[in-house]
N, C-alpha and C. Protein backbone atom coordinates (compact mmCIF):
# COMPACT_ATOMS: atom_id res chain seq x y z
N UNK A 1 3.71 -3.15 -11.91
CA UNK A 1 4.58 -4.08 -12.01
C UNK A 1 5.33 -4.49 -10.60
N UNK A 2 5.56 -5.39 -9.58
CA UNK A 2 5.32 -6.05 -8.63
C UNK A 2 7.01 -6.86 -8.93
N UNK A 3 7.50 -6.71 -8.66
CA UNK A 3 8.66 -7.90 -8.58
C UNK A 3 8.91 -9.29 -7.79
N UNK A 4 9.32 -9.92 -7.60
CA UNK A 4 9.46 -11.41 -6.82
C UNK A 4 9.17 -11.15 -5.10
N UNK A 5 10.41 -10.80 -4.85
CA UNK A 5 10.03 -10.46 -3.26
C UNK A 5 9.51 -9.02 -2.85
N UNK A 6 8.61 -8.86 -3.68
CA UNK A 6 7.45 -7.89 -2.96
C UNK A 6 6.05 -8.17 -3.08
N UNK A 7 6.13 -9.16 -4.11
CA UNK A 7 5.49 -9.97 -4.44
C UNK A 7 4.40 -10.74 -2.97
N UNK A 8 5.49 -11.26 -2.46
CA UNK A 8 5.54 -12.10 -0.98
C UNK A 8 5.18 -11.23 -0.02
N UNK A 9 5.49 -9.66 0.09
CA UNK A 9 4.92 -8.95 0.88
C UNK A 9 3.49 -8.50 0.58
N UNK A 10 2.72 -8.69 -0.36
CA UNK A 10 1.40 -8.29 -0.56
C UNK A 10 0.94 -9.89 -0.57
N UNK A 11 1.01 -10.89 -0.58
CA UNK A 11 0.54 -11.88 0.12
C UNK A 11 0.08 -12.46 1.86
N UNK A 12 0.44 -11.42 2.25
CA UNK A 12 0.68 -11.17 3.66
C UNK A 12 -0.57 -11.08 4.10
N UNK A 13 -1.39 -11.28 4.93
CA UNK A 13 -2.29 -10.24 5.82
C UNK A 13 -1.97 -9.58 7.24
N UNK A 14 -3.23 -8.34 6.70
CA UNK A 14 -2.29 -7.51 8.05
C UNK A 14 -2.28 -8.26 9.74
N UNK A 15 -3.52 -9.05 9.48
CA UNK A 15 -4.26 -9.39 11.17
C UNK A 15 -4.66 -10.83 10.57
N UNK A 16 -3.53 -12.04 11.13
CA UNK A 16 -3.59 -13.16 10.68
C UNK A 16 -4.19 -13.85 11.30
N UNK A 17 -4.77 -13.55 12.80
CA UNK A 17 -5.41 -14.33 13.41
C UNK A 17 -6.54 -12.88 14.19
N UNK A 18 -7.71 -12.73 14.00
CA UNK A 18 -8.31 -11.53 14.63
C UNK A 18 -9.16 -12.19 15.78
N UNK A 19 -9.32 -12.55 16.05
CA UNK A 19 -10.33 -13.78 17.31
C UNK A 19 -9.55 -13.23 18.45
N UNK A 20 -9.67 -12.94 19.64
CA UNK A 20 -8.77 -12.64 20.48
C UNK A 20 -9.13 -13.69 21.84
N UNK A 21 -8.79 -14.72 22.22
CA UNK A 21 -9.31 -14.82 23.79
C UNK A 21 -9.28 -14.55 24.93
N UNK A 22 -10.34 -14.18 25.71
CA UNK A 22 -10.38 -14.17 26.49
C UNK A 22 -11.95 -13.72 26.85
N UNK A 23 -11.18 -12.78 28.08
CA UNK A 23 -12.89 -11.57 28.38
C UNK A 23 -13.36 -10.77 27.27
N UNK A 24 -14.59 -10.78 27.52
CA UNK A 24 -15.19 -9.77 26.09
C UNK A 24 -14.90 -8.82 27.12
N UNK A 25 -14.61 -7.96 26.35
CA UNK A 25 -13.91 -5.98 26.60
C UNK A 25 -14.66 -4.63 26.56
N UNK A 26 -15.62 -4.92 25.97
CA UNK A 26 -17.13 -4.50 26.06
C UNK A 26 -17.44 -3.59 26.90
N UNK A 27 -17.49 -2.31 26.98
CA UNK A 27 -17.75 -1.53 28.38
C UNK A 27 -19.19 -0.80 28.00
N UNK A 28 -20.28 -0.52 28.60
CA UNK A 28 -21.31 -0.68 29.12
C UNK A 28 -21.18 1.28 29.17
N UNK A 29 -22.03 1.67 27.70
CA UNK A 29 -22.12 3.07 27.81
C UNK A 29 -21.21 3.20 26.57
N UNK A 30 -20.20 2.73 26.14
CA UNK A 30 -19.15 3.25 25.11
C UNK A 30 -18.94 2.99 23.79
N UNK A 31 -18.75 3.72 22.73
CA UNK A 31 -19.08 3.59 21.65
C UNK A 31 -17.54 3.52 20.95
N UNK A 32 -16.65 1.97 20.63
CA UNK A 32 -15.60 1.96 20.07
C UNK A 32 -15.16 2.40 18.42
N UNK A 33 -15.86 2.89 17.97
CA UNK A 33 -16.48 3.48 16.95
C UNK A 33 -15.87 4.72 16.99
N UNK A 34 -16.62 5.48 17.93
CA UNK A 34 -16.49 6.97 17.52
C UNK A 34 -15.97 7.67 18.57
N UNK A 35 -15.36 6.76 19.27
CA UNK A 35 -14.64 6.93 20.40
C UNK A 35 -13.10 7.15 20.06
N UNK A 36 -12.58 6.15 19.00
CA UNK A 36 -11.18 6.21 18.68
C UNK A 36 -11.36 6.83 17.29
N UNK A 37 -12.16 7.68 16.85
CA UNK A 37 -12.30 7.78 15.30
C UNK A 37 -10.95 9.01 14.77
N UNK A 38 -10.75 9.69 15.82
CA UNK A 38 -9.81 10.90 15.34
C UNK A 38 -8.10 10.14 15.77
N UNK A 39 -8.16 8.81 16.36
CA UNK A 39 -6.77 8.56 16.21
C UNK A 39 -6.02 7.54 14.56
N UNK A 40 -7.89 7.28 13.98
CA UNK A 40 -7.55 6.42 13.03
C UNK A 40 -6.99 7.45 11.50
N UNK A 41 -7.33 8.13 12.13
CA UNK A 41 -7.32 9.35 10.50
C UNK A 41 -5.87 10.32 10.31
N UNK A 42 -5.03 9.42 9.96
CA UNK A 42 -3.07 9.79 9.80
C UNK A 42 -3.38 9.94 8.48
N UNK A 43 -2.31 10.87 8.51
CA UNK A 43 -1.83 10.60 6.90
C UNK A 43 -0.99 9.68 6.66
N UNK A 44 -0.48 8.65 7.83
CA UNK A 44 0.05 7.47 7.64
C UNK A 44 -0.65 6.54 7.00
N UNK A 45 -1.38 6.24 6.81
CA UNK A 45 -2.94 4.98 6.43
C UNK A 45 -3.33 5.45 5.18
N UNK A 46 -2.67 6.31 4.36
CA UNK A 46 -3.18 6.98 2.87
C UNK A 46 -2.43 6.36 2.02
N UNK A 47 -0.77 6.17 2.31
CA UNK A 47 -0.13 5.48 1.51
C UNK A 47 0.85 6.55 1.21
N UNK A 48 1.47 6.55 0.10
CA UNK A 48 2.96 7.45 -0.18
C UNK A 48 2.72 8.18 -0.96
N UNK A 49 3.18 8.92 -1.72
CA UNK A 49 3.60 9.63 -3.43
C UNK A 49 4.04 8.78 -3.92
N UNK A 50 3.94 8.99 -5.49
CA UNK A 50 4.97 8.59 -6.13
C UNK A 50 5.82 9.30 -6.86
N UNK A 51 7.24 9.35 -6.77
CA UNK A 51 8.47 9.97 -6.83
C UNK A 51 7.99 10.67 -9.06
N UNK A 52 7.31 10.18 -9.08
CA UNK A 52 7.91 11.39 -10.53
C UNK A 52 6.10 12.08 -11.09
N UNK A 53 5.24 11.68 -10.41
CA UNK A 53 4.03 12.46 -10.50
C UNK A 53 3.59 13.26 -9.44
N UNK A 54 3.46 12.34 -8.30
CA UNK A 54 3.16 12.55 -7.02
C UNK A 54 1.61 12.77 -6.69
N UNK A 55 1.02 11.59 -7.56
CA UNK A 55 0.19 11.03 -7.21
C UNK A 55 -0.04 9.71 -6.08
N UNK A 56 -0.81 9.87 -5.17
CA UNK A 56 -1.37 9.02 -4.17
C UNK A 56 -1.22 6.81 -4.80
N UNK A 57 -0.23 6.19 -4.32
CA UNK A 57 0.24 5.24 -4.88
C UNK A 57 -0.78 4.37 -3.82
N UNK A 58 -1.89 2.73 -4.02
CA UNK A 58 -2.43 2.46 -3.79
C UNK A 58 -1.77 1.89 -2.36
N UNK A 59 -0.77 1.15 -2.13
CA UNK A 59 0.15 0.58 -1.36
C UNK A 59 1.71 1.89 -0.98
N UNK A 60 2.25 1.15 -0.16
CA UNK A 60 3.36 1.82 0.45
C UNK A 60 4.13 1.12 -0.68
N UNK A 61 4.76 2.77 -1.67
CA UNK A 61 5.29 2.03 -2.52
C UNK A 61 5.78 3.46 -3.28
N UNK A 62 7.10 3.19 -4.14
CA UNK A 62 7.49 4.73 -4.82
C UNK A 62 7.22 4.88 -5.84
N UNK A 63 6.27 4.35 -6.72
CA UNK A 63 6.11 4.85 -8.20
C UNK A 63 3.91 4.31 -7.89
N UNK A 64 3.29 5.24 -8.53
CA UNK A 64 2.25 4.75 -8.48
C UNK A 64 2.42 3.49 -10.30
N UNK A 65 0.87 2.67 -10.22
CA UNK A 65 1.13 1.81 -11.07
C UNK A 65 1.43 2.18 -12.70
N UNK A 66 1.77 3.95 -13.23
CA UNK A 66 1.64 4.28 -14.55
C UNK A 66 2.85 4.16 -14.67
N UNK A 67 3.40 5.04 -13.92
CA UNK A 67 4.89 5.41 -13.93
C UNK A 67 5.69 3.78 -13.88
N UNK A 68 5.25 3.52 -12.88
CA UNK A 68 5.97 2.22 -12.61
C UNK A 68 5.64 0.98 -13.83
N UNK A 69 4.69 1.53 -14.80
CA UNK A 69 4.61 0.63 -15.82
C UNK A 69 5.48 1.66 -17.52
N UNK A 70 5.46 2.71 -17.07
CA UNK A 70 6.67 3.07 -17.99
C UNK A 70 7.86 3.53 -17.69
N UNK A 71 8.46 3.48 -16.55
CA UNK A 71 9.61 3.27 -16.56
C UNK A 71 10.51 1.61 -16.16
N UNK A 72 9.51 0.94 -16.21
CA UNK A 72 9.70 -0.42 -16.10
C UNK A 72 10.40 -1.08 -14.97
N UNK A 73 9.29 -0.65 -14.03
CA UNK A 73 10.25 -1.03 -12.39
C UNK A 73 9.29 -1.15 -11.50
N UNK A 74 9.76 -1.59 -10.63
CA UNK A 74 8.97 -2.57 -9.39
C UNK A 74 7.79 -0.81 -8.57
N UNK A 75 6.88 -1.37 -8.55
CA UNK A 75 6.54 0.38 -8.52
C UNK A 75 6.66 0.08 -6.38
N UNK A 76 6.82 -0.98 -5.73
CA UNK A 76 7.18 -1.06 -4.20
C UNK A 76 8.08 -0.34 -3.75
N UNK A 77 9.35 -1.33 -4.54
CA UNK A 77 10.94 -1.02 -4.20
C UNK A 77 11.80 -0.14 -5.01
N UNK A 78 11.04 -0.32 -6.08
CA UNK A 78 11.64 0.72 -7.33
C UNK A 78 12.84 0.18 -7.81
N UNK A 79 12.70 -1.39 -7.90
CA UNK A 79 13.86 -1.82 -8.78
C UNK A 79 13.87 -1.87 -10.27
N UNK A 80 15.15 -1.72 -10.74
CA UNK A 80 14.46 -1.89 -12.25
C UNK A 80 14.14 -3.31 -13.30
N UNK A 81 13.05 -3.46 -13.52
CA UNK A 81 12.99 -5.14 -13.72
C UNK A 81 12.70 -5.05 -15.54
N UNK A 82 12.33 -4.26 -15.74
CA UNK A 82 12.68 -4.49 -17.45
C UNK A 82 13.20 -3.09 -17.81
N UNK A 83 13.95 -3.58 -19.53
CA UNK A 83 15.08 -2.11 -19.99
C UNK A 83 13.98 -1.73 -20.71
N UNK A 84 13.35 -0.44 -20.66
CA UNK A 84 12.61 0.33 -21.37
C UNK A 84 13.40 0.98 -22.36
N UNK A 85 14.33 1.09 -22.85
CA UNK A 85 14.80 2.41 -23.43
C UNK A 85 14.59 2.01 -24.83
N UNK A 86 14.15 0.65 -25.43
CA UNK A 86 14.00 0.61 -27.11
C UNK A 86 12.53 0.66 -27.53
N UNK A 87 11.38 0.34 -26.12
CA UNK A 87 10.40 0.78 -26.27
C UNK A 87 9.89 1.64 -26.37
N UNK A 88 8.62 1.62 -27.20
CA UNK A 88 7.56 2.80 -27.50
C UNK A 88 6.44 2.21 -26.07
N UNK A 89 6.30 2.47 -25.48
CA UNK A 89 5.70 2.62 -24.07
C UNK A 89 4.46 3.59 -23.90
N UNK A 90 3.28 3.58 -24.43
CA UNK A 90 2.31 4.48 -24.02
C UNK A 90 1.22 4.01 -23.53
N UNK A 91 0.08 4.84 -22.79
CA UNK A 91 -0.44 4.71 -22.40
C UNK A 91 -1.83 4.93 -22.69
N UNK A 92 -2.32 3.46 -23.25
CA UNK A 92 -3.51 4.47 -23.99
C UNK A 92 -4.97 3.86 -23.24
């Protein structure tokens, strides 16, 4: 469950224009994939943890999809969307 303001965040591309004009920046004898591999593995690119169950979220958010559905909240920002006080919401 994602609210309307967070829906616009999901529709944006991370890299809108991949092609860079100019000289080709390749070096002889260098492998760019293996050269900076240790810099790409960080804890920041794995997503965040759910507040309720501690499971990793698929994107940067506060709740995992299951807990967001059970609580009636937006999974990214945590705003209340649905009143679930009188609902019997089970995950089957």
